[in-house]
């Protein structure tokens, strides 16, 4: 999976960066939100918990997707600004199996 940043905009009022990116997934399936969040956080030197993938659309007949992401300065600000269902989609916790 490769990520190409199409546009990036600083939003000082909401204390976030708004990014449109192209996710090129080649022969494999469409990547999960979690993998896109982790990769974008690594590229932009941010924590994965501060990155929100707002939407991700696969283009028909092409092996790429367009994603809209936001990187917040703090988790508190993210929870104030984003809708609760969007935050819930982007919070990835490790599930422990009961044995």
PDB file of N, CA and C in Angstrom:
ATOM      1  N   UNK A   1       0.845  -1.175   0.000  1.00  0.00           N
ATOM      2  CA  UNK A   1       0.000   0.000   0.000  1.00  0.00           C
ATOM      3  C   UNK A   1       0.893   1.240   0.000  1.00  0.00           C
ATOM      4  N   UNK A   2       0.635   2.128  -0.925  1.00  0.00           N
ATOM      5  CA  UNK A   2       1.345   3.402  -0.999  1.00  0.00           C
ATOM      6  C   UNK A   2       0.350   4.534  -0.774  1.00  0.00           C
ATOM      7  N   UNK A   3       0.833   5.606  -0.172  1.00  0.00           N
ATOM      8  CA  UNK A   3      -0.007   6.779   0.072  1.00  0.00           C
ATOM      9  C   UNK A   3       0.624   7.975  -0.615  1.00  0.00           C
ATOM     10  N   UNK A   4      -0.209   8.699  -1.371  1.00  0.00           N
ATOM     11  CA  UNK A   4       0.235   9.910  -2.049  1.00  0.00           C
ATOM     12  C   UNK A   4      -0.659  11.054  -1.576  1.00  0.00           C
ATOM     13  N   UNK A   5      -0.079  12.100  -1.025  1.00  0.00           N
ATOM     14  CA  UNK A   5      -0.865  13.226  -0.520  1.00  0.00           C
ATOM     15  C   UNK A   5      -1.225  14.131  -1.686  1.00  0.00           C
ATOM     16  N   UNK A   6      -2.540  14.329  -1.882  1.00  0.00           N
ATOM     17  CA  UNK A   6      -3.046  15.155  -2.972  1.00  0.00           C
ATOM     18  C   UNK A   6      -3.069  16.617  -2.541  1.00  0.00           C
ATOM     19  N   UNK A   7      -3.604  16.884  -1.348  1.00  0.00           N
ATOM     20  CA  UNK A   7      -3.621  18.254  -0.825  1.00  0.00           C
ATOM     21  C   UNK A   7      -3.578  18.221   0.694  1.00  0.00           C
ATOM     22  N   UNK A   8      -3.032  19.291   1.245  1.00  0.00           N
ATOM     23  CA  UNK A   8      -2.938  19.410   2.697  1.00  0.00           C
ATOM     24  C   UNK A   8      -3.209  20.861   3.065  1.00  0.00           C
ATOM     25  N   UNK A   9      -4.043  21.042   4.106  1.00  0.00           N
ATOM     26  CA  UNK A   9      -4.420  22.392   4.514  1.00  0.00           C
ATOM     27  C   UNK A   9      -4.386  22.480   6.029  1.00  0.00           C
ATOM     28  N   UNK A  10      -3.786  23.530   6.537  1.00  0.00           N
ATOM     29  CA  UNK A  10      -3.734  23.778   7.978  1.00  0.00           C
ATOM     30  C   UNK A  10      -4.997  24.546   8.371  1.00  0.00           C
ATOM     31  N   UNK A  11      -5.672  24.091   9.431  1.00  0.00           N
ATOM     32  CA  UNK A  11      -6.867  24.766   9.933  1.00  0.00           C
ATOM     33  C   UNK A  11      -6.590  25.187  11.379  1.00  0.00           C
ATOM     34  N   UNK A  12      -6.053  26.398  11.584  1.00  0.00           N
ATOM     35  CA  UNK A  12      -5.672  26.816  12.936  1.00  0.00           C
ATOM     36  C   UNK A  12      -6.862  27.021  13.870  1.00  0.00           C
ATOM     37  N   UNK A  13      -8.006  27.366  13.346  1.00  0.00           N
ATOM     38  CA  UNK A  13      -9.184  27.585  14.180  1.00  0.00           C
ATOM     39  C   UNK A  13      -9.611  26.295  14.881  1.00  0.00           C
ATOM     40  N   UNK A  14      -9.598  25.184  14.153  1.00  0.00           N
ATOM     41  CA  UNK A  14      -9.989  23.896  14.724  1.00  0.00           C
ATOM     42  C   UNK A  14      -8.787  23.073  15.185  1.00  0.00           C
ATOM     43  N   UNK A  15      -7.593  23.629  15.055  1.00  0.00           N
ATOM     44  CA  UNK A  15      -6.349  22.986  15.503  1.00  0.00           C
ATOM     45  C   UNK A  15      -6.171  21.596  14.885  1.00  0.00           C
ATOM     46  N   UNK A  16      -6.212  21.583  13.544  1.00  0.00           N
ATOM     47  CA  UNK A  16      -6.044  20.320  12.827  1.00  0.00           C
ATOM     48  C   UNK A  16      -5.469  20.578  11.438  1.00  0.00           C
ATOM     49  N   UNK A  17      -4.990  19.505  10.818  1.00  0.00           N
ATOM     50  CA  UNK A  17      -4.561  19.520   9.426  1.00  0.00           C
ATOM     51  C   UNK A  17      -5.549  18.665   8.645  1.00  0.00           C
ATOM     52  N   UNK A  18      -6.016  19.177   7.517  1.00  0.00           N
ATOM     53  CA  UNK A  18      -6.975  18.455   6.678  1.00  0.00           C
ATOM     54  C   UNK A  18      -6.232  17.969   5.437  1.00  0.00           C
ATOM     55  N   UNK A  19      -6.294  16.672   5.208  1.00  0.00           N
ATOM     56  CA  UNK A  19      -5.490  16.054   4.156  1.00  0.00           C
ATOM     57  C   UNK A  19      -6.384  15.223   3.240  1.00  0.00           C
ATOM     58  N   UNK A  20      -6.168  15.379   1.937  1.00  0.00           N
ATOM     59  CA  UNK A  20      -6.790  14.503   0.940  1.00  0.00           C
ATOM     60  C   UNK A  20      -5.658  13.653   0.390  1.00  0.00           C
ATOM     61  N   UNK A  21      -5.858  12.338   0.403  1.00  0.00           N
ATOM     62  CA  UNK A  21      -4.786  11.462  -0.039  1.00  0.00           C
ATOM     63  C   UNK A  21      -5.295  10.371  -0.957  1.00  0.00           C
ATOM     64  N   UNK A  22      -4.375   9.895  -1.778  1.00  0.00           N
ATOM     65  CA  UNK A  22      -4.660   8.790  -2.686  1.00  0.00           C
ATOM     66  C   UNK A  22      -3.974   7.561  -2.119  1.00  0.00           C
ATOM     67  N   UNK A  23      -4.749   6.509  -1.902  1.00  0.00           N
ATOM     68  CA  UNK A  23      -4.222   5.254  -1.372  1.00  0.00           C
ATOM     69  C   UNK A  23      -4.153   4.268  -2.535  1.00  0.00           C
ATOM     70  N   UNK A  24      -2.954   3.876  -2.896  1.00  0.00           N
ATOM     71  CA  UNK A  24      -2.755   2.943  -4.010  1.00  0.00           C
ATOM     72  C   UNK A  24      -2.544   1.565  -3.407  1.00  0.00           C
ATOM     73  N   UNK A  25      -3.509   0.654  -3.660  1.00  0.00           N
ATOM     74  CA  UNK A  25      -3.441  -0.650  -3.008  1.00  0.00           C
ATOM     75  C   UNK A  25      -3.072  -1.789  -3.927  1.00  0.00           C
ATOM     76  N   UNK A  26      -2.736  -1.525  -5.150  1.00  0.00           N
ATOM     77  CA  UNK A  26      -2.202  -2.552  -6.042  1.00  0.00           C
ATOM     78  C   UNK A  26      -3.085  -3.778  -6.169  1.00  0.00           C
ATOM     79  N   UNK A  27      -2.478  -4.944  -6.054  1.00  0.00           N
ATOM     80  CA  UNK A  27      -3.186  -6.210  -6.260  1.00  0.00           C
ATOM     81  C   UNK A  27      -4.067  -6.617  -5.090  1.00  0.00           C
ATOM     82  N   UNK A  28      -3.818  -6.089  -3.914  1.00  0.00           N
ATOM     83  CA  UNK A  28      -4.559  -6.499  -2.722  1.00  0.00           C
ATOM     84  C   UNK A  28      -5.918  -5.830  -2.614  1.00  0.00           C
ATOM     85  N   UNK A  29      -6.647  -6.174  -1.559  1.00  0.00           N
ATOM     86  CA  UNK A  29      -7.958  -5.557  -1.331  1.00  0.00           C
ATOM     87  C   UNK A  29      -7.807  -4.112  -0.855  1.00  0.00           C
ATOM     88  N   UNK A  30      -8.925  -3.409  -0.776  1.00  0.00           N
ATOM     89  CA  UNK A  30      -8.917  -2.049  -0.248  1.00  0.00           C
ATOM     90  C   UNK A  30      -8.412  -2.083   1.191  1.00  0.00           C
ATOM     91  N   UNK A  31      -7.448  -1.247   1.533  1.00  0.00           N
ATOM     92  CA  UNK A  31      -6.898  -1.271   2.893  1.00  0.00           C
ATOM     93  C   UNK A  31      -7.931  -0.846   3.935  1.00  0.00           C
ATOM     94  N   UNK A  32      -7.734  -1.303   5.146  1.00  0.00           N
ATOM     95  CA  UNK A  32      -8.633  -0.941   6.239  1.00  0.00           C
ATOM     96  C   UNK A  32      -8.323   0.476   6.708  1.00  0.00           C
ATOM     97  N   UNK A  33      -9.271   1.063   7.424  1.00  0.00           N
ATOM     98  CA  UNK A  33      -9.049   2.390   8.007  1.00  0.00           C
ATOM     99  C   UNK A  33      -7.844   2.361   8.935  1.00  0.00           C
ATOM    100  N   UNK A  34      -7.737   1.291   9.697  1.00  0.00           N
ATOM    101  CA  UNK A  34      -6.645   1.173  10.662  1.00  0.00           C
ATOM    102  C   UNK A  34      -5.287   1.236   9.969  1.00  0.00           C
ATOM    103  N   UNK A  35      -5.131   0.519   8.864  1.00  0.00           N
ATOM    104  CA  UNK A  35      -3.841   0.525   8.175  1.00  0.00           C
ATOM    105  C   UNK A  35      -3.542   1.896   7.563  1.00  0.00           C
ATOM    106  N   UNK A  36      -4.571   2.585   7.069  1.00  0.00           N
ATOM    107  CA  UNK A  36      -4.377   3.923   6.511  1.00  0.00           C
ATOM    108  C   UNK A  36      -4.004   4.907   7.616  1.00  0.00           C
ATOM    109  N   UNK A  37      -4.682   4.816   8.765  1.00  0.00           N
ATOM    110  CA  UNK A  37      -4.379   5.695   9.903  1.00  0.00           C
ATOM    111  C   UNK A  37      -2.940   5.491  10.362  1.00  0.00           C
ATOM    112  N   UNK A  38      -2.522   4.245  10.513  1.00  0.00           N
ATOM    113  CA  UNK A  38      -1.160   3.959  10.976  1.00  0.00           C
ATOM    114  C   UNK A  38      -0.113   4.462   9.985  1.00  0.00           C
ATOM    115  N   UNK A  39      -0.363   4.264   8.710  1.00  0.00           N
ATOM    116  CA  UNK A  39       0.598   4.696   7.680  1.00  0.00           C
ATOM    117  C   UNK A  39       0.685   6.213   7.607  1.00  0.00           C
ATOM    118  N   UNK A  40      -0.475   6.901   7.652  1.00  0.00           N
ATOM    119  CA  UNK A  40      -0.488   8.361   7.597  1.00  0.00           C
ATOM    120  C   UNK A  40       0.171   8.959   8.837  1.00  0.00           C
ATOM    121  N   UNK A  41      -0.077   8.361   9.997  1.00  0.00           N
ATOM    122  CA  UNK A  41       0.553   8.835  11.234  1.00  0.00           C
ATOM    123  C   UNK A  41       2.071   8.705  11.143  1.00  0.00           C
ATOM    124  N   UNK A  42       2.554   7.628  10.552  1.00  0.00           N
ATOM    125  CA  UNK A  42       3.995   7.437  10.400  1.00  0.00           C
ATOM    126  C   UNK A  42       4.591   8.464   9.436  1.00  0.00           C
ATOM    127  N   UNK A  43       3.886   8.750   8.363  1.00  0.00           N
ATOM    128  CA  UNK A  43       4.374   9.713   7.375  1.00  0.00           C
ATOM    129  C   UNK A  43       4.407  11.125   7.952  1.00  0.00           C
ATOM    130  N   UNK A  44       3.393  11.491   8.700  1.00  0.00           N
ATOM    131  CA  UNK A  44       3.256  12.855   9.221  1.00  0.00           C
ATOM    132  C   UNK A  44       3.784  13.029  10.643  1.00  0.00           C
ATOM    133  N   UNK A  45       4.464  12.054  11.180  1.00  0.00           N
ATOM    134  CA  UNK A  45       5.036  12.112  12.533  1.00  0.00           C
ATOM    135  C   UNK A  45       3.992  12.499  13.574  1.00  0.00           C
ATOM    136  N   UNK A  46       2.906  11.750  13.604  1.00  0.00           N
ATOM    137  CA  UNK A  46       1.819  11.987  14.544  1.00  0.00           C
ATOM    138  C   UNK A  46       1.465  10.677  15.236  1.00  0.00           C
ATOM    139  N   UNK A  47       0.659  10.770  16.269  1.00  0.00           N
ATOM    140  CA  UNK A  47       0.175   9.565  16.942  1.00  0.00           C
ATOM    141  C   UNK A  47      -1.037   9.039  16.177  1.00  0.00           C
ATOM    142  N   UNK A  48      -1.183   7.722  16.056  1.00  0.00           N
ATOM    143  CA  UNK A  48      -2.361   7.172  15.369  1.00  0.00           C
ATOM    144  C   UNK A  48      -3.682   7.577  16.027  1.00  0.00           C
ATOM    145  N   UNK A  49      -3.680   7.847  17.325  1.00  0.00           N
ATOM    146  CA  UNK A  49      -4.898   8.243  18.024  1.00  0.00           C
ATOM    147  C   UNK A  49      -5.384   9.636  17.685  1.00  0.00           C
ATOM    148  N   UNK A  50      -4.564  10.432  17.001  1.00  0.00           N
ATOM    149  CA  UNK A  50      -4.943  11.795  16.623  1.00  0.00           C
ATOM    150  C   UNK A  50      -5.337  11.908  15.155  1.00  0.00           C
ATOM    151  N   UNK A  51      -5.266  10.801  14.423  1.00  0.00           N
ATOM    152  CA  UNK A  51      -5.597  10.790  12.995  1.00  0.00           C
ATOM    153  C   UNK A  51      -7.003  10.231  12.817  1.00  0.00           C
ATOM    154  N   UNK A  52      -7.820  10.946  12.042  1.00  0.00           N
ATOM    155  CA  UNK A  52      -9.190  10.518  11.755  1.00  0.00           C
ATOM    156  C   UNK A  52      -9.344  10.412  10.246  1.00  0.00           C
ATOM    157  N   UNK A  53      -9.728   9.234   9.764  1.00  0.00           N
ATOM    158  CA  UNK A  53     -10.061   9.073   8.347  1.00  0.00           C
ATOM    159  C   UNK A  53     -11.558   9.300   8.243  1.00  0.00           C
ATOM    160  N   UNK A  54     -11.930  10.433   7.694  1.00  0.00           N
ATOM    161  CA  UNK A  54     -13.335  10.840   7.628  1.00  0.00           C
ATOM    162  C   UNK A  54     -14.103   9.969   6.636  1.00  0.00           C
ATOM    163  N   UNK A  55     -13.550   9.798   5.436  1.00  0.00           N
ATOM    164  CA  UNK A  55     -14.182   8.905   4.456  1.00  0.00           C
ATOM    165  C   UNK A  55     -13.123   8.371   3.513  1.00  0.00           C
ATOM    166  N   UNK A  56     -13.447   7.232   2.910  1.00  0.00           N
ATOM    167  CA  UNK A  56     -12.527   6.574   1.996  1.00  0.00           C
ATOM    168  C   UNK A  56     -13.352   5.931   0.886  1.00  0.00           C
ATOM    169  N   UNK A  57     -13.135   6.371  -0.347  1.00  0.00           N
ATOM    170  CA  UNK A  57     -13.894   5.865  -1.486  1.00  0.00           C
ATOM    171  C   UNK A  57     -12.972   5.151  -2.460  1.00  0.00           C
ATOM    172  N   UNK A  58     -13.344   3.926  -2.828  1.00  0.00           N
ATOM    173  CA  UNK A  58     -12.600   3.192  -3.849  1.00  0.00           C
ATOM    174  C   UNK A  58     -13.127   3.605  -5.212  1.00  0.00           C
ATOM    175  N   UNK A  59     -12.230   3.781  -6.144  1.00  0.00           N
ATOM    176  CA  UNK A  59     -12.613   4.171  -7.489  1.00  0.00           C
ATOM    177  C   UNK A  59     -12.849   2.913  -8.322  1.00  0.00           C
ATOM    178  N   UNK A  60     -13.977   2.845  -9.012  1.00  0.00           N
ATOM    179  CA  UNK A  60     -14.359   1.664  -9.770  1.00  0.00           C
ATOM    180  C   UNK A  60     -13.338   1.374 -10.863  1.00  0.00           C
ATOM    181  N   UNK A  61     -12.900   0.125 -10.912  1.00  0.00           N
ATOM    182  CA  UNK A  61     -11.993  -0.312 -11.959  1.00  0.00           C
ATOM    183  C   UNK A  61     -10.548   0.112 -11.765  1.00  0.00           C
ATOM    184  N   UNK A  62     -10.266   0.776 -10.670  1.00  0.00           N
ATOM    185  CA  UNK A  62      -8.897   1.223 -10.400  1.00  0.00           C
ATOM    186  C   UNK A  62      -8.439   0.629  -9.080  1.00  0.00           C
ATOM    187  N   UNK A  63      -7.184   0.517  -8.906  1.00  0.00           N
ATOM    188  CA  UNK A  63      -6.633  -0.057  -7.674  1.00  0.00           C
ATOM    189  C   UNK A  63      -6.161   1.049  -6.742  1.00  0.00           C
ATOM    190  N   UNK A  64      -7.042   2.023  -6.551  1.00  0.00           N
ATOM    191  CA  UNK A  64      -6.721   3.124  -5.650  1.00  0.00           C
ATOM    192  C   UNK A  64      -7.993   3.682  -5.023  1.00  0.00           C
ATOM    193  N   UNK A  65      -7.816   4.346  -3.907  1.00  0.00           N
ATOM    194  CA  UNK A  65      -8.922   4.959  -3.182  1.00  0.00           C
ATOM    195  C   UNK A  65      -8.549   6.396  -2.862  1.00  0.00           C
ATOM    196  N   UNK A  66      -9.562   7.228  -2.715  1.00  0.00           N
ATOM    197  CA  UNK A  66      -9.371   8.606  -2.276  1.00  0.00           C
ATOM    198  C   UNK A  66      -9.880   8.690  -0.843  1.00  0.00           C
ATOM    199  N   UNK A  67      -9.049   9.215   0.049  1.00  0.00           N
ATOM    200  CA  UNK A  67      -9.419   9.314   1.463  1.00  0.00           C
ATOM    201  C   UNK A  67      -9.294  10.759   1.927  1.00  0.00           C
ATOM    202  N   UNK A  68     -10.172  11.135   2.847  1.00  0.00           N
ATOM    203  CA  UNK A  68     -10.140  12.450   3.484  1.00  0.00           C
ATOM    204  C   UNK A  68      -9.806  12.218   4.948  1.00  0.00           C
ATOM    205  N   UNK A  69      -8.697  12.788   5.392  1.00  0.00           N
ATOM    206  CA  UNK A  69      -8.238  12.563   6.762  1.00  0.00           C
ATOM    207  C   UNK A  69      -7.988  13.890   7.461  1.00  0.00           C
ATOM    208  N   UNK A  70      -8.001  13.824   8.789  1.00  0.00           N
ATOM    209  CA  UNK A  70      -7.713  14.988   9.621  1.00  0.00           C
ATOM    210  C   UNK A  70      -6.761  14.565  10.723  1.00  0.00           C
ATOM    211  N   UNK A  71      -5.772  15.399  10.985  1.00  0.00           N
ATOM    212  CA  UNK A  71      -4.823  15.143  12.067  1.00  0.00           C
ATOM    213  C   UNK A  71      -4.976  16.265  13.086  1.00  0.00           C
ATOM    214  N   UNK A  72      -5.358  15.906  14.299  1.00  0.00           N
ATOM    215  CA  UNK A  72      -5.599  16.887  15.360  1.00  0.00           C
ATOM    216  C   UNK A  72      -4.364  17.076  16.223  1.00  0.00           C
ATOM    217  N   UNK A  73      -4.301  18.230  16.903  1.00  0.00           N
ATOM    218  CA  UNK A  73      -3.193  18.518  17.815  1.00  0.00           C
ATOM    219  C   UNK A  73      -3.341  17.765  19.130  1.00  0.00           C
ATOM    220  N   UNK A  74      -4.596  17.527  19.559  1.00  0.00           N
ATOM    221  CA  UNK A  74      -4.815  16.810  20.818  1.00  0.00           C
ATOM    222  C   UNK A  74      -6.066  15.944  20.708  1.00  0.00           C
ATOM    223  N   UNK A  75      -6.109  14.902  21.519  1.00  0.00           N
ATOM    224  CA  UNK A  75      -7.269  14.011  21.526  1.00  0.00           C
ATOM    225  C   UNK A  75      -8.503  14.737  22.052  1.00  0.00           C
ATOM    226  N   UNK A  76      -8.306  15.622  23.008  1.00  0.00           N
ATOM    227  CA  UNK A  76      -9.420  16.392  23.569  1.00  0.00           C
ATOM    228  C   UNK A  76     -10.087  17.240  22.488  1.00  0.00           C
ATOM    229  N   UNK A  77      -9.275  17.899  21.659  1.00  0.00           N
ATOM    230  CA  UNK A  77      -9.818  18.729  20.583  1.00  0.00           C
ATOM    231  C   UNK A  77     -10.543  17.862  19.550  1.00  0.00           C
ATOM    232  N   UNK A  78     -10.010  16.687  19.269  1.00  0.00           N
ATOM    233  CA  UNK A  78     -10.641  15.780  18.317  1.00  0.00           C
ATOM    234  C   UNK A  78     -12.039  15.392  18.793  1.00  0.00           C
ATOM    235  N   UNK A  79     -12.169  15.075  20.064  1.00  0.00           N
ATOM    236  CA  UNK A  79     -13.472  14.674  20.606  1.00  0.00           C
ATOM    237  C   UNK A  79     -14.452  15.844  20.672  1.00  0.00           C
ATOM    238  N   UNK A  80     -13.964  17.078  20.788  1.00  0.00           N
ATOM    239  CA  UNK A  80     -14.834  18.253  20.798  1.00  0.00           C
ATOM    240  C   UNK A  80     -15.397  18.545  19.412  1.00  0.00           C
ATOM    241  N   UNK A  81     -14.582  18.349  18.388  1.00  0.00           N
ATOM    242  CA  UNK A  81     -14.936  18.782  17.037  1.00  0.00           C
ATOM    243  C   UNK A  81     -15.629  17.691  16.224  1.00  0.00           C
ATOM    244  N   UNK A  82     -15.108  16.472  16.259  1.00  0.00           N
ATOM    245  CA  UNK A  82     -15.633  15.394  15.412  1.00  0.00           C
ATOM    246  C   UNK A  82     -16.942  14.826  15.960  1.00  0.00           C
ATOM    247  N   UNK A  83     -17.748  14.310  15.054  1.00  0.00           N
ATOM    248  CA  UNK A  83     -18.971  13.614  15.452  1.00  0.00           C
ATOM    249  C   UNK A  83     -18.600  12.329  16.187  1.00  0.00           C
ATOM    250  N   UNK A  84     -19.399  11.940  17.194  1.00  0.00           N
ATOM    251  CA  UNK A  84     -19.062  10.743  17.978  1.00  0.00           C
ATOM    252  C   UNK A  84     -18.932   9.468  17.141  1.00  0.00           C
ATOM    253  N   UNK A  85     -19.773   9.305  16.121  1.00  0.00           N
ATOM    254  CA  UNK A  85     -19.686   8.073  15.330  1.00  0.00           C
ATOM    255  C   UNK A  85     -18.408   8.027  14.490  1.00  0.00           C
ATOM    256  N   UNK A  86     -17.888   9.163  14.089  1.00  0.00           N
ATOM    257  CA  UNK A  86     -16.628   9.204  13.345  1.00  0.00           C
ATOM    258  C   UNK A  86     -15.464   8.860  14.273  1.00  0.00           C
ATOM    259  N   UNK A  87     -15.499   9.387  15.494  1.00  0.00           N
ATOM    260  CA  UNK A  87     -14.452   9.075  16.473  1.00  0.00           C
ATOM    261  C   UNK A  87     -14.465   7.584  16.782  1.00  0.00           C
ATOM    262  N   UNK A  88     -15.662   7.021  16.935  1.00  0.00           N
ATOM    263  CA  UNK A  88     -15.791   5.594  17.252  1.00  0.00           C
ATOM    264  C   UNK A  88     -15.220   4.724  16.127  1.00  0.00           C
ATOM    265  N   UNK A  89     -15.406   5.127  14.882  1.00  0.00           N
ATOM    266  CA  UNK A  89     -14.870   4.381  13.740  1.00  0.00           C
ATOM    267  C   UNK A  89     -13.352   4.387  13.706  1.00  0.00           C
ATOM    268  N   UNK A  90     -12.755   5.441  14.254  1.00  0.00           N
ATOM    269  CA  UNK A  90     -11.315   5.626  14.142  1.00  0.00           C
ATOM    270  C   UNK A  90     -10.539   5.303  15.400  1.00  0.00           C
ATOM    271  N   UNK A  91     -11.210   4.828  16.446  1.00  0.00           N
ATOM    272  CA  UNK A  91     -10.514   4.413  17.661  1.00  0.00           C
ATOM    273  C   UNK A  91     -10.331   2.905  17.578  1.00  0.00           C
ATOM    274  N   UNK A  92      -9.079   2.481  17.533  1.00  0.00           N
ATOM    275  CA  UNK A  92      -8.775   1.067  17.376  1.00  0.00           C
ATOM    276  C   UNK A  92      -8.171   0.553  18.667  1.00  0.00           C
ATOM    277  N   UNK A  93      -8.879  -0.352  19.319  1.00  0.00           N
ATOM    278  CA  UNK A  93      -8.378  -0.935  20.562  1.00  0.00           C
ATOM    279  C   UNK A  93      -8.090  -2.405  20.327  1.00  0.00           C
ATOM    280  N   UNK A  94      -7.133  -2.900  21.045  1.00  0.00           N
ATOM    281  CA  UNK A  94      -6.787  -4.316  20.946  1.00  0.00           C
ATOM    282  C   UNK A  94      -7.805  -5.126  21.736  1.00  0.00           C
ATOM    283  N   UNK A  95      -8.413  -6.087  21.083  1.00  0.00           N
ATOM    284  CA  UNK A  95      -9.377  -6.948  21.761  1.00  0.00           C
ATOM    285  C   UNK A  95      -8.645  -8.186  22.259  1.00  0.00           C
ATOM    286  N   UNK A  96      -8.806  -8.447  23.526  1.00  0.00           N
ATOM    287  CA  UNK A  96      -8.164  -9.622  24.116  1.00  0.00           C
ATOM    288  C   UNK A  96      -9.149 -10.780  24.119  1.00  0.00           C
ATOM    289  N   UNK A  97      -8.672 -11.918  23.674  1.00  0.00           N
ATOM    290  CA  UNK A  97      -9.526 -13.101  23.657  1.00  0.00           C
ATOM    291  C   UNK A  97      -9.491 -13.765  25.025  1.00  0.00           C
ATOM    292  N   UNK A  98     -10.660 -14.134  25.498  1.00  0.00           N
ATOM    293  CA  UNK A  98     -10.738 -14.838  26.784  1.00  0.00           C
ATOM    294  C   UNK A  98     -10.350 -16.294  26.559  1.00  0.00           C
ATOM    295  N   UNK A  99      -9.463 -16.794  27.387  1.00  0.00           N
ATOM    296  CA  UNK A  99      -9.044 -18.186  27.208  1.00  0.00           C
ATOM    297  C   UNK A  99      -9.342 -19.019  28.420  1.00  0.00           C
TER     298      UNK A  99
END
